[in-house]
Amino acid sequence: MSKTHQVVVYDRQTGYVLSSGTTCVPERLETSSQRVLADAGARPGLDYVQGGRILSRPMLPARLAGRVLRGVPAGAEIHIEDKVYVADGSDIELAFSLPGRYLITIKCRPHLDWSATYEA
């Protein structure tokens, strides 16, 4: 009798886990580059697949110090309002032409997204 496993479905480009939990026998699983078998399930949104292994998405090391964003990795996308900027790995000084509250979201695979509100 074959051991059953959890089927983890993930996005082929990002590696992000999309769903988990369907139990099957390995011999009955159709081959797909978007599926991996695991002894335990994975957490959609919190885990990713790399090299056939399920890993936890790490926290993004970014932090807001006054009006400076620090610890933003090169290549990360910084979303402010409807604009997207790409980080070069250096500290980022925030400057806004109008006063107000601005939501800043940073996305950088495989890290979890990071968000903060900045008041100018």
PDB file of N, CA and C in Angstrom:
ATOM      1  N   MET A   1       0.832  -1.173   0.000  1.00  0.00           N
ATOM      2  CA  MET A   1       0.000   0.000   0.000  1.00  0.00           C
ATOM      3  C   MET A   1       0.882   1.242   0.000  1.00  0.00           C
ATOM      4  N   SER A   2       0.574   2.194  -0.872  1.00  0.00           N
ATOM      5  CA  SER A   2       1.359   3.418  -1.001  1.00  0.00           C
ATOM      6  C   SER A   2       1.012   4.434   0.078  1.00  0.00           C
ATOM      7  N   LYS A   3       2.013   5.175   0.467  1.00  0.00           N
ATOM      8  CA  LYS A   3       1.813   6.271   1.422  1.00  0.00           C
ATOM      9  C   LYS A   3       1.127   7.429   0.701  1.00  0.00           C
ATOM     10  N   THR A   4       0.192   8.091   1.368  1.00  0.00           N
ATOM     11  CA  THR A   4      -0.462   9.250   0.750  1.00  0.00           C
ATOM     12  C   THR A   4       0.285  10.524   1.132  1.00  0.00           C
ATOM     13  N   HIS A   5       0.177  11.507   0.275  1.00  0.00           N
ATOM     14  CA  HIS A   5       0.857  12.794   0.447  1.00  0.00           C
ATOM     15  C   HIS A   5      -0.137  13.921   0.206  1.00  0.00           C
ATOM     16  N   GLN A   6       0.225  15.109   0.654  1.00  0.00           N
ATOM     17  CA  GLN A   6      -0.532  16.312   0.339  1.00  0.00           C
ATOM     18  C   GLN A   6      -0.066  16.804  -1.027  1.00  0.00           C
ATOM     19  N   VAL A   7      -0.982  17.245  -1.854  1.00  0.00           N
ATOM     20  CA  VAL A   7      -0.635  17.854  -3.130  1.00  0.00           C
ATOM     21  C   VAL A   7      -0.601  19.359  -2.904  1.00  0.00           C
ATOM     22  N   VAL A   8       0.518  19.972  -3.223  1.00  0.00           N
ATOM     23  CA  VAL A   8       0.672  21.412  -3.083  1.00  0.00           C
ATOM     24  C   VAL A   8       0.738  22.000  -4.488  1.00  0.00           C
ATOM     25  N   VAL A   9      -0.187  22.892  -4.803  1.00  0.00           N
ATOM     26  CA  VAL A   9      -0.215  23.553  -6.108  1.00  0.00           C
ATOM     27  C   VAL A   9       0.427  24.922  -5.946  1.00  0.00           C
ATOM     28  N   TYR A  10       1.357  25.253  -6.834  1.00  0.00           N
ATOM     29  CA  TYR A  10       2.068  26.526  -6.722  1.00  0.00           C
ATOM     30  C   TYR A  10       2.214  27.198  -8.078  1.00  0.00           C
ATOM     31  N   ASP A  11       2.432  28.510  -8.034  1.00  0.00           N
ATOM     32  CA  ASP A  11       2.624  29.301  -9.240  1.00  0.00           C
ATOM     33  C   ASP A  11       4.014  28.995  -9.812  1.00  0.00           C
ATOM     34  N   ARG A  12       4.057  28.669 -11.072  1.00  0.00           N
ATOM     35  CA  ARG A  12       5.302  28.260 -11.723  1.00  0.00           C
ATOM     36  C   ARG A  12       6.349  29.375 -11.737  1.00  0.00           C
ATOM     37  N   GLN A  13       5.919  30.639 -11.894  1.00  0.00           N
ATOM     38  CA  GLN A  13       6.869  31.744 -11.968  1.00  0.00           C
ATOM     39  C   GLN A  13       7.367  32.202 -10.601  1.00  0.00           C
ATOM     40  N   THR A  14       6.471  32.356  -9.646  1.00  0.00           N
ATOM     41  CA  THR A  14       6.854  32.901  -8.345  1.00  0.00           C
ATOM     42  C   THR A  14       7.224  31.828  -7.332  1.00  0.00           C
ATOM     43  N   GLY A  15       6.701  30.623  -7.514  1.00  0.00           N
ATOM     44  CA  GLY A  15       6.886  29.567  -6.530  1.00  0.00           C
ATOM     45  C   GLY A  15       5.893  29.647  -5.395  1.00  0.00           C
ATOM     46  N   TYR A  16       5.051  30.682  -5.355  1.00  0.00           N
ATOM     47  CA  TYR A  16       4.099  30.868  -4.273  1.00  0.00           C
ATOM     48  C   TYR A  16       3.065  29.759  -4.242  1.00  0.00           C
ATOM     49  N   VAL A  17       2.773  29.266  -3.054  1.00  0.00           N
ATOM     50  CA  VAL A  17       1.780  28.209  -2.875  1.00  0.00           C
ATOM     51  C   VAL A  17       0.396  28.785  -3.125  1.00  0.00           C
ATOM     52  N   LEU A  18      -0.380  28.131  -3.998  1.00  0.00           N
ATOM     53  CA  LEU A  18      -1.740  28.564  -4.322  1.00  0.00           C
ATOM     54  C   LEU A  18      -2.776  27.781  -3.538  1.00  0.00           C
ATOM     55  N   SER A  19      -2.541  26.495  -3.364  1.00  0.00           N
ATOM     56  CA  SER A  19      -3.461  25.676  -2.582  1.00  0.00           C
ATOM     57  C   SER A  19      -2.724  24.437  -2.079  1.00  0.00           C
ATOM     58  N   SER A  20      -3.329  23.812  -1.086  1.00  0.00           N
ATOM     59  CA  SER A  20      -2.725  22.646  -0.484  1.00  0.00           C
ATOM     60  C   SER A  20      -3.806  21.852   0.219  1.00  0.00           C
ATOM     61  N   GLY A  21      -3.596  20.556   0.301  1.00  0.00           N
ATOM     62  CA  GLY A  21      -4.505  19.778   1.118  1.00  0.00           C
ATOM     63  C   GLY A  21      -5.162  18.595   0.465  1.00  0.00           C
ATOM     64  N   THR A  22      -5.170  18.496  -0.845  1.00  0.00           N
ATOM     65  CA  THR A  22      -5.776  17.346  -1.481  1.00  0.00           C
ATOM     66  C   THR A  22      -4.853  16.152  -1.309  1.00  0.00           C
ATOM     67  N   THR A  23      -5.337  15.106  -0.717  1.00  0.00           N
ATOM     68  CA  THR A  23      -4.521  13.924  -0.483  1.00  0.00           C
ATOM     69  C   THR A  23      -4.610  12.989  -1.677  1.00  0.00           C
ATOM     70  N   CYS A  24      -3.486  12.436  -2.063  1.00  0.00           N
ATOM     71  CA  CYS A  24      -3.503  11.471  -3.159  1.00  0.00           C
ATOM     72  C   CYS A  24      -2.347  10.494  -3.003  1.00  0.00           C
ATOM     73  N   VAL A  25      -2.387   9.471  -3.789  1.00  0.00           N
ATOM     74  CA  VAL A  25      -1.306   8.495  -3.871  1.00  0.00           C
ATOM     75  C   VAL A  25      -0.414   8.947  -5.019  1.00  0.00           C
ATOM     76  N   PRO A  26       0.913   9.013  -4.840  1.00  0.00           N
ATOM     77  CA  PRO A  26       1.809   9.537  -5.874  1.00  0.00           C
ATOM     78  C   PRO A  26       1.610   8.937  -7.265  1.00  0.00           C
ATOM     79  N   GLU A  27       1.305   7.654  -7.342  1.00  0.00           N
ATOM     80  CA  GLU A  27       1.157   7.005  -8.640  1.00  0.00           C
ATOM     81  C   GLU A  27      -0.045   7.547  -9.429  1.00  0.00           C
ATOM     82  N   ARG A  28      -0.999   8.182  -8.750  1.00  0.00           N
ATOM     83  CA  ARG A  28      -2.204   8.673  -9.422  1.00  0.00           C
ATOM     84  C   ARG A  28      -2.114  10.154  -9.774  1.00  0.00           C
ATOM     85  N   LEU A  29      -1.032  10.816  -9.384  1.00  0.00           N
ATOM     86  CA  LEU A  29      -0.875  12.241  -9.650  1.00  0.00           C
ATOM     87  C   LEU A  29      -0.330  12.454 -11.054  1.00  0.00           C
ATOM     88  N   GLU A  30      -1.008  13.286 -11.825  1.00  0.00           N
ATOM     89  CA  GLU A  30      -0.516  13.618 -13.148  1.00  0.00           C
ATOM     90  C   GLU A  30       0.720  14.501 -12.998  1.00  0.00           C
ATOM     91  N   THR A  31       1.694  14.312 -13.861  1.00  0.00           N
ATOM     92  CA  THR A  31       2.911  15.100 -13.801  1.00  0.00           C
ATOM     93  C   THR A  31       2.620  16.532 -14.232  1.00  0.00           C
ATOM     94  N   SER A  32       3.039  17.474 -13.402  1.00  0.00           N
ATOM     95  CA  SER A  32       2.859  18.892 -13.691  1.00  0.00           C
ATOM     96  C   SER A  32       3.937  19.665 -12.963  1.00  0.00           C
ATOM     97  N   SER A  33       4.467  20.687 -13.611  1.00  0.00           N
ATOM     98  CA  SER A  33       5.504  21.477 -12.966  1.00  0.00           C
ATOM     99  C   SER A  33       4.903  22.419 -11.923  1.00  0.00           C
ATOM    100  N   GLN A  34       3.582  22.392 -11.787  1.00  0.00           N
ATOM    101  CA  GLN A  34       2.937  23.258 -10.818  1.00  0.00           C
ATOM    102  C   GLN A  34       2.503  22.505  -9.568  1.00  0.00           C
ATOM    103  N   ARG A  35       2.894  21.275  -9.420  1.00  0.00           N
ATOM    104  CA  ARG A  35       2.493  20.492  -8.260  1.00  0.00           C
ATOM    105  C   ARG A  35       3.708  19.834  -7.639  1.00  0.00           C
ATOM    106  N   VAL A  36       3.644  19.682  -6.339  1.00  0.00           N
ATOM    107  CA  VAL A  36       4.688  18.970  -5.621  1.00  0.00           C
ATOM    108  C   VAL A  36       4.001  18.169  -4.524  1.00  0.00           C
ATOM    109  N   LEU A  37       4.558  17.027  -4.190  1.00  0.00           N
ATOM    110  CA  LEU A  37       4.010  16.207  -3.116  1.00  0.00           C
ATOM    111  C   LEU A  37       4.745  16.527  -1.828  1.00  0.00           C
ATOM    112  N   ALA A  38       4.014  16.572  -0.733  1.00  0.00           N
ATOM    113  CA  ALA A  38       4.620  16.862   0.563  1.00  0.00           C
ATOM    114  C   ALA A  38       4.019  15.958   1.622  1.00  0.00           C
ATOM    115  N   ASP A  39       4.794  15.693   2.660  1.00  0.00           N
ATOM    116  CA  ASP A  39       4.276  14.903   3.771  1.00  0.00           C
ATOM    117  C   ASP A  39       3.260  15.691   4.580  1.00  0.00           C
ATOM    118  N   ALA A  40       3.366  17.016   4.556  1.00  0.00           N
ATOM    119  CA  ALA A  40       2.411  17.881   5.246  1.00  0.00           C
ATOM    120  C   ALA A  40       1.991  18.978   4.283  1.00  0.00           C
ATOM    121  N   GLY A  41       0.874  19.605   4.554  1.00  0.00           N
ATOM    122  CA  GLY A  41       0.377  20.661   3.678  1.00  0.00           C
ATOM    123  C   GLY A  41       1.222  21.916   3.753  1.00  0.00           C
ATOM    124  N   ALA A  42       0.960  22.821   2.852  1.00  0.00           N
ATOM    125  CA  ALA A  42       1.646  24.106   2.814  1.00  0.00           C
ATOM    126  C   ALA A  42       0.618  25.206   3.033  1.00  0.00           C
ATOM    127  N   ARG A  43       1.086  26.380   3.396  1.00  0.00           N
ATOM    128  CA  ARG A  43       0.203  27.499   3.704  1.00  0.00           C
ATOM    129  C   ARG A  43       0.168  28.484   2.548  1.00  0.00           C
ATOM    130  N   PRO A  44      -0.960  28.540   1.814  1.00  0.00           N
ATOM    131  CA  PRO A  44      -1.064  29.509   0.719  1.00  0.00           C
ATOM    132  C   PRO A  44      -0.795  30.927   1.228  1.00  0.00           C
ATOM    133  N   GLY A  45       0.018  31.667   0.483  1.00  0.00           N
ATOM    134  CA  GLY A  45       0.361  33.025   0.851  1.00  0.00           C
ATOM    135  C   GLY A  45       1.549  33.123   1.796  1.00  0.00           C
ATOM    136  N   LEU A  46       1.849  32.064   2.527  1.00  0.00           N
ATOM    137  CA  LEU A  46       2.936  32.107   3.508  1.00  0.00           C
ATOM    138  C   LEU A  46       4.122  31.221   3.140  1.00  0.00           C
ATOM    139  N   ASP A  47       3.907  30.277   2.226  1.00  0.00           N
ATOM    140  CA  ASP A  47       4.970  29.365   1.818  1.00  0.00           C
ATOM    141  C   ASP A  47       5.217  29.485   0.320  1.00  0.00           C
ATOM    142  N   TYR A  48       6.370  28.993  -0.107  1.00  0.00           N
ATOM    143  CA  TYR A  48       6.683  28.924  -1.533  1.00  0.00           C
ATOM    144  C   TYR A  48       7.467  27.649  -1.796  1.00  0.00           C
ATOM    145  N   VAL A  49       7.547  27.296  -3.078  1.00  0.00           N
ATOM    146  CA  VAL A  49       8.252  26.076  -3.472  1.00  0.00           C
ATOM    147  C   VAL A  49       9.504  26.479  -4.238  1.00  0.00           C
ATOM    148  N   GLN A  50      10.629  25.901  -3.814  1.00  0.00           N
ATOM    149  CA  GLN A  50      11.894  26.145  -4.504  1.00  0.00           C
ATOM    150  C   GLN A  50      12.650  24.837  -4.552  1.00  0.00           C
ATOM    151  N   GLY A  51      13.027  24.415  -5.745  1.00  0.00           N
ATOM    152  CA  GLY A  51      13.766  23.158  -5.899  1.00  0.00           C
ATOM    153  C   GLY A  51      13.000  21.952  -5.391  1.00  0.00           C
ATOM    154  N   GLY A  52      11.661  22.009  -5.503  1.00  0.00           N
ATOM    155  CA  GLY A  52      10.833  20.895  -5.061  1.00  0.00           C
ATOM    156  C   GLY A  52      10.604  20.852  -3.554  1.00  0.00           C
ATOM    157  N   ARG A  53      11.138  21.843  -2.834  1.00  0.00           N
ATOM    158  CA  ARG A  53      10.958  21.906  -1.375  1.00  0.00           C
ATOM    159  C   ARG A  53       9.998  23.030  -1.010  1.00  0.00           C
ATOM    160  N   ILE A  54       9.238  22.829   0.055  1.00  0.00           N
ATOM    161  CA  ILE A  54       8.324  23.850   0.550  1.00  0.00           C
ATOM    162  C   ILE A  54       9.052  24.632   1.637  1.00  0.00           C
ATOM    163  N   LEU A  55       9.115  25.951   1.451  1.00  0.00           N
ATOM    164  CA  LEU A  55       9.820  26.819   2.385  1.00  0.00           C
ATOM    165  C   LEU A  55       8.889  27.937   2.851  1.00  0.00           C
ATOM    166  N   SER A  56       9.124  28.460   4.032  1.00  0.00           N
ATOM    167  CA  SER A  56       8.367  29.604   4.528  1.00  0.00           C
ATOM    168  C   SER A  56       8.895  30.871   3.864  1.00  0.00           C
ATOM    169  N   ARG A  57       7.975  31.757   3.452  1.00  0.00           N
ATOM    170  CA  ARG A  57       8.394  33.034   2.898  1.00  0.00           C
ATOM    171  C   ARG A  57       8.963  33.897   4.027  1.00  0.00           C
ATOM    172  N   PRO A  58      10.183  34.409   3.869  1.00  0.00           N
ATOM    173  CA  PRO A  58      10.790  35.205   4.936  1.00  0.00           C
ATOM    174  C   PRO A  58      10.193  36.609   5.022  1.00  0.00           C
ATOM    175  N   MET A  59      10.385  37.234   6.180  1.00  0.00           N
ATOM    176  CA  MET A  59       9.973  38.619   6.364  1.00  0.00           C
ATOM    177  C   MET A  59      10.911  39.511   5.563  1.00  0.00           C
ATOM    178  N   LEU A  60      10.365  40.569   4.989  1.00  0.00           N
ATOM    179  CA  LEU A  60      11.172  41.547   4.266  1.00  0.00           C
ATOM    180  C   LEU A  60      11.915  42.395   5.301  1.00  0.00           C
ATOM    181  N   PRO A  61      13.220  42.618   5.148  1.00  0.00           N
ATOM    182  CA  PRO A  61      13.974  43.350   6.167  1.00  0.00           C
ATOM    183  C   PRO A  61      13.777  44.867   6.130  1.00  0.00           C
ATOM    184  N   ALA A  62      12.816  45.367   5.368  1.00  0.00           N
ATOM    185  CA  ALA A  62      12.593  46.809   5.247  1.00  0.00           C
ATOM    186  C   ALA A  62      12.085  47.400   6.560  1.00  0.00           C
ATOM    187  N   ARG A  63      12.414  48.669   6.770  1.00  0.00           N
ATOM    188  CA  ARG A  63      11.894  49.404   7.918  1.00  0.00           C
ATOM    189  C   ARG A  63      11.849  50.885   7.556  1.00  0.00           C
ATOM    190  N   LEU A  64      10.945  51.588   8.188  1.00  0.00           N
ATOM    191  CA  LEU A  64      10.782  53.014   7.968  1.00  0.00           C
ATOM    192  C   LEU A  64      11.393  53.742   9.150  1.00  0.00           C
ATOM    193  N   ALA A  65      12.419  54.549   8.900  1.00  0.00           N
ATOM    194  CA  ALA A  65      13.099  55.324   9.939  1.00  0.00           C
ATOM    195  C   ALA A  65      12.908  56.799   9.595  1.00  0.00           C
ATOM    196  N   GLY A  66      11.910  57.418  10.222  1.00  0.00           N
ATOM    197  CA  GLY A  66      11.591  58.803   9.880  1.00  0.00           C
ATOM    198  C   GLY A  66      11.032  58.848   8.475  1.00  0.00           C
ATOM    199  N   ARG A  67      11.725  59.528   7.601  1.00  0.00           N
ATOM    200  CA  ARG A  67      11.271  59.574   6.197  1.00  0.00           C
ATOM    201  C   ARG A  67      12.187  58.788   5.257  1.00  0.00           C
ATOM    202  N   VAL A  68      12.919  57.826   5.843  1.00  0.00           N
ATOM    203  CA  VAL A  68      13.837  57.002   5.052  1.00  0.00           C
ATOM    204  C   VAL A  68      13.443  55.536   5.151  1.00  0.00           C
ATOM    205  N   LEU A  69      13.339  54.889   3.993  1.00  0.00           N
ATOM    206  CA  LEU A  69      13.123  53.441   3.925  1.00  0.00           C
ATOM    207  C   LEU A  69      14.493  52.784   3.898  1.00  0.00           C
ATOM    208  N   ARG A  70      14.718  51.873   4.822  1.00  0.00           N
ATOM    209  CA  ARG A  70      16.005  51.174   4.901  1.00  0.00           C
ATOM    210  C   ARG A  70      15.783  49.670   4.730  1.00  0.00           C
ATOM    211  N   GLY A  71      16.786  48.995   4.242  1.00  0.00           N
ATOM    212  CA  GLY A  71      16.731  47.538   4.135  1.00  0.00           C
ATOM    213  C   GLY A  71      15.876  47.018   2.999  1.00  0.00           C
ATOM    214  N   VAL A  72      15.658  47.834   1.982  1.00  0.00           N
ATOM    215  CA  VAL A  72      14.871  47.399   0.830  1.00  0.00           C
ATOM    216  C   VAL A  72      15.830  46.765  -0.183  1.00  0.00           C
ATOM    217  N   PRO A  73      15.665  45.463  -0.471  1.00  0.00           N
ATOM    218  CA  PRO A  73      16.583  44.790  -1.393  1.00  0.00           C
ATOM    219  C   PRO A  73      16.508  45.334  -2.819  1.00  0.00           C
ATOM    220  N   ALA A  74      17.616  45.283  -3.522  1.00  0.00           N
ATOM    221  CA  ALA A  74      17.645  45.680  -4.931  1.00  0.00           C
ATOM    222  C   ALA A  74      16.640  44.836  -5.716  1.00  0.00           C
ATOM    223  N   GLY A  75      15.911  45.475  -6.599  1.00  0.00           N
ATOM    224  CA  GLY A  75      14.920  44.782  -7.422  1.00  0.00           C
ATOM    225  C   GLY A  75      13.529  44.744  -6.814  1.00  0.00           C
ATOM    226  N   ALA A  76      13.407  45.138  -5.546  1.00  0.00           N
ATOM    227  CA  ALA A  76      12.092  45.154  -4.903  1.00  0.00           C
ATOM    228  C   ALA A  76      11.213  46.216  -5.543  1.00  0.00           C
ATOM    229  N   GLU A  77       9.916  45.930  -5.612  1.00  0.00           N
ATOM    230  CA  GLU A  77       8.946  46.905  -6.132  1.00  0.00           C
ATOM    231  C   GLU A  77       8.373  47.688  -4.958  1.00  0.00           C
ATOM    232  N   ILE A  78       8.423  49.013  -5.052  1.00  0.00           N
ATOM    233  CA  ILE A  78       7.855  49.882  -4.036  1.00  0.00           C
ATOM    234  C   ILE A  78       6.598  50.512  -4.627  1.00  0.00           C
ATOM    235  N   HIS A  79       5.454  50.215  -4.025  1.00  0.00           N
ATOM    236  CA  HIS A  79       4.172  50.721  -4.505  1.00  0.00           C
ATOM    237  C   HIS A  79       3.740  51.872  -3.603  1.00  0.00           C
ATOM    238  N   ILE A  80       3.576  53.054  -4.195  1.00  0.00           N
ATOM    239  CA  ILE A  80       3.075  54.225  -3.480  1.00  0.00           C
ATOM    240  C   ILE A  80       1.986  54.832  -4.354  1.00  0.00           C
ATOM    241  N   GLU A  81       0.775  54.878  -3.772  1.00  0.00           N
ATOM    242  CA  GLU A  81      -0.392  55.329  -4.541  1.00  0.00           C
ATOM    243  C   GLU A  81      -0.512  54.431  -5.775  1.00  0.00           C
ATOM    244  N   ASP A  82      -0.562  55.016  -6.962  1.00  0.00           N
ATOM    245  CA  ASP A  82      -0.714  54.225  -8.188  1.00  0.00           C
ATOM    246  C   ASP A  82       0.601  54.069  -8.946  1.00  0.00           C
ATOM    247  N   LYS A  83       1.717  54.368  -8.290  1.00  0.00           N
ATOM    248  CA  LYS A  83       3.014  54.289  -8.954  1.00  0.00           C
ATOM    249  C   LYS A  83       3.854  53.161  -8.367  1.00  0.00           C
ATOM    250  N   VAL A  84       4.711  52.601  -9.222  1.00  0.00           N
ATOM    251  CA  VAL A  84       5.609  51.527  -8.802  1.00  0.00           C
ATOM    252  C   VAL A  84       7.041  51.964  -9.116  1.00  0.00           C
ATOM    253  N   TYR A  85       7.890  51.842  -8.099  1.00  0.00           N
ATOM    254  CA  TYR A  85       9.302  52.171  -8.238  1.00  0.00           C
ATOM    255  C   TYR A  85      10.104  50.901  -7.976  1.00  0.00           C
ATOM    256  N   VAL A  86      11.294  50.804  -8.566  1.00  0.00           N
ATOM    257  CA  VAL A  86      12.151  49.643  -8.357  1.00  0.00           C
ATOM    258  C   VAL A  86      13.360  50.084  -7.542  1.00  0.00           C
ATOM    259  N   ALA A  87      13.595  49.395  -6.426  1.00  0.00           N
ATOM    260  CA  ALA A  87      14.689  49.734  -5.518  1.00  0.00           C
ATOM    261  C   ALA A  87      16.034  49.300  -6.099  1.00  0.00           C
ATOM    262  N   ASP A  88      17.068  50.057  -5.753  1.00  0.00           N
ATOM    263  CA  ASP A  88      18.425  49.700  -6.187  1.00  0.00           C
ATOM    264  C   ASP A  88      19.271  49.149  -5.041  1.00  0.00           C
ATOM    265  N   GLY A  89      18.654  48.956  -3.864  1.00  0.00           N
ATOM    266  CA  GLY A  89      19.367  48.401  -2.722  1.00  0.00           C
ATOM    267  C   GLY A  89      19.872  49.440  -1.741  1.00  0.00           C
ATOM    268  N   SER A  90      19.785  50.717  -2.104  1.00  0.00           N
ATOM    269  CA  SER A  90      20.240  51.771  -1.197  1.00  0.00           C
ATOM    270  C   SER A  90      19.057  52.301  -0.383  1.00  0.00           C
ATOM    271  N   ASP A  91      19.350  53.123   0.638  1.00  0.00           N
ATOM    272  CA  ASP A  91      18.293  53.757   1.425  1.00  0.00           C
ATOM    273  C   ASP A  91      17.481  54.679   0.528  1.00  0.00           C
ATOM    274  N   ILE A  92      16.184  54.794   0.827  1.00  0.00           N
ATOM    275  CA  ILE A  92      15.276  55.572  -0.009  1.00  0.00           C
ATOM    276  C   ILE A  92      14.676  56.685   0.838  1.00  0.00           C
ATOM    277  N   GLU A  93      14.952  57.938   0.449  1.00  0.00           N
ATOM    278  CA  GLU A  93      14.385  59.073   1.166  1.00  0.00           C
ATOM    279  C   GLU A  93      13.044  59.415   0.541  1.00  0.00           C
ATOM    280  N   LEU A  94      12.020  59.470   1.374  1.00  0.00           N
ATOM    281  CA  LEU A  94      10.677  59.766   0.898  1.00  0.00           C
ATOM    282  C   LEU A  94      10.453  61.270   0.856  1.00  0.00           C
ATOM    283  N   ALA A  95       9.859  61.736  -0.241  1.00  0.00           N
ATOM    284  CA  ALA A  95       9.522  63.147  -0.387  1.00  0.00           C
ATOM    285  C   ALA A  95       8.215  63.229  -1.175  1.00  0.00           C
ATOM    286  N   PHE A  96       7.257  63.979  -0.652  1.00  0.00           N
ATOM    287  CA  PHE A  96       5.958  64.113  -1.308  1.00  0.00           C
ATOM    288  C   PHE A  96       5.650  65.589  -1.504  1.00  0.00           C
ATOM    289  N   SER A  97       5.027  65.923  -2.633  1.00  0.00           N
ATOM    290  CA  SER A  97       4.713  67.315  -2.924  1.00  0.00           C
ATOM    291  C   SER A  97       3.467  67.798  -2.177  1.00  0.00           C
ATOM    292  N   LEU A  98       2.613  66.884  -1.767  1.00  0.00           N
ATOM    293  CA  LEU A  98       1.391  67.248  -1.050  1.00  0.00           C
ATOM    294  C   LEU A  98       1.352  66.558   0.306  1.00  0.00           C
ATOM    295  N   PRO A  99       0.854  67.260   1.331  1.00  0.00           N
ATOM    296  CA  PRO A  99       0.708  66.609   2.631  1.00  0.00           C
ATOM    297  C   PRO A  99      -0.387  65.550   2.573  1.00  0.00           C
ATOM    298  N   GLY A 100      -0.293  64.557   3.447  1.00  0.00           N
ATOM    299  CA  GLY A 100      -1.305  63.506   3.499  1.00  0.00           C
ATOM    300  C   GLY A 100      -0.718  62.206   3.997  1.00  0.00           C
ATOM    301  N   ARG A 101      -1.573  61.184   3.994  1.00  0.00           N
ATOM    302  CA  ARG A 101      -1.150  59.838   4.400  1.00  0.00           C
ATOM    303  C   ARG A 101      -0.951  59.008   3.144  1.00  0.00           C
ATOM    304  N   TYR A 102       0.159  58.320   3.080  1.00  0.00           N
ATOM    305  CA  TYR A 102       0.509  57.515   1.919  1.00  0.00           C
ATOM    306  C   TYR A 102       0.769  56.072   2.344  1.00  0.00           C
ATOM    307  N   LEU A 103       0.118  55.146   1.674  1.00  0.00           N
ATOM    308  CA  LEU A 103       0.352  53.726   1.919  1.00  0.00           C
ATOM    309  C   LEU A 103       1.529  53.290   1.052  1.00  0.00           C
ATOM    310  N   ILE A 104       2.520  52.688   1.687  1.00  0.00           N
ATOM    311  CA  ILE A 104       3.709  52.198   0.993  1.00  0.00           C
ATOM    312  C   ILE A 104       3.716  50.682   1.133  1.00  0.00           C
ATOM    313  N   THR A 105       3.780  49.993  -0.003  1.00  0.00           N
ATOM    314  CA  THR A 105       3.852  48.539  -0.001  1.00  0.00           C
ATOM    315  C   THR A 105       5.092  48.126  -0.786  1.00  0.00           C
ATOM    316  N   ILE A 106       5.861  47.199  -0.214  1.00  0.00           N
ATOM    317  CA  ILE A 106       7.062  46.708  -0.887  1.00  0.00           C
ATOM    318  C   ILE A 106       6.861  45.229  -1.178  1.00  0.00           C
ATOM    319  N   LYS A 107       7.145  44.842  -2.421  1.00  0.00           N
ATOM    320  CA  LYS A 107       7.030  43.454  -2.859  1.00  0.00           C
ATOM    321  C   LYS A 107       8.379  42.999  -3.399  1.00  0.00           C
ATOM    322  N   CYS A 108       8.847  41.856  -2.898  1.00  0.00           N
ATOM    323  CA  CYS A 108      10.132  41.319  -3.339  1.00  0.00           C
ATOM    324  C   CYS A 108      10.127  39.818  -3.100  1.00  0.00           C
ATOM    325  N   ARG A 109      10.046  39.025  -4.166  1.00  0.00           N
ATOM    326  CA  ARG A 109      10.024  37.578  -4.021  1.00  0.00           C
ATOM    327  C   ARG A 109      11.301  37.066  -3.393  1.00  0.00           C
ATOM    328  N   PRO A 110      11.258  36.087  -2.581  1.00  0.00           N
ATOM    329  CA  PRO A 110      10.109  35.338  -2.085  1.00  0.00           C
ATOM    330  C   PRO A 110       9.536  35.909  -0.785  1.00  0.00           C
ATOM    331  N   HIS A 111      10.014  37.085  -0.380  1.00  0.00           N
ATOM    332  CA  HIS A 111       9.608  37.674   0.897  1.00  0.00           C
ATOM    333  C   HIS A 111       8.104  37.950   0.960  1.00  0.00           C
ATOM    334  N   LEU A 112       7.616  38.007   2.198  1.00  0.00           N
ATOM    335  CA  LEU A 112       6.249  38.465   2.425  1.00  0.00           C
ATOM    336  C   LEU A 112       6.191  39.952   2.103  1.00  0.00           C
ATOM    337  N   ASP A 113       5.057  40.432   1.607  1.00  0.00           N
ATOM    338  CA  ASP A 113       4.904  41.852   1.317  1.00  0.00           C
ATOM    339  C   ASP A 113       5.013  42.649   2.616  1.00  0.00           C
ATOM    340  N   TRP A 114       5.516  43.873   2.505  1.00  0.00           N
ATOM    341  CA  TRP A 114       5.701  44.761   3.639  1.00  0.00           C
ATOM    342  C   TRP A 114       4.895  46.020   3.371  1.00  0.00           C
ATOM    343  N   SER A 115       4.184  46.524   4.368  1.00  0.00           N
ATOM    344  CA  SER A 115       3.387  47.750   4.212  1.00  0.00           C
ATOM    345  C   SER A 115       3.536  48.640   5.416  1.00  0.00           C
ATOM    346  N   ALA A 116       3.456  49.951   5.165  1.00  0.00           N
ATOM    347  CA  ALA A 116       3.454  50.960   6.217  1.00  0.00           C
ATOM    348  C   ALA A 116       2.732  52.183   5.691  1.00  0.00           C
ATOM    349  N   THR A 117       2.206  52.983   6.602  1.00  0.00           N
ATOM    350  CA  THR A 117       1.596  54.249   6.236  1.00  0.00           C
ATOM    351  C   THR A 117       2.551  55.368   6.637  1.00  0.00           C
ATOM    352  N   TYR A 118       2.791  56.268   5.709  1.00  0.00           N
ATOM    353  CA  TYR A 118       3.674  57.402   5.950  1.00  0.00           C
ATOM    354  C   TYR A 118       2.846  58.677   5.897  1.00  0.00           C
ATOM    355  N   GLU A 119       3.029  59.535   6.887  1.00  0.00           N
ATOM    356  CA  GLU A 119       2.290  60.802   6.905  1.00  0.00           C
ATOM    357  C   GLU A 119       3.254  61.932   6.566  1.00  0.00           C
ATOM    358  N   ALA A 120       2.947  62.600   5.454  1.00  0.00           N
ATOM    359  CA  ALA A 120       3.799  63.696   4.986  1.00  0.00           C
ATOM    360  C   ALA A 120       3.269  65.031   5.497  1.00  0.00           C
TER     361      ALA A 120
END
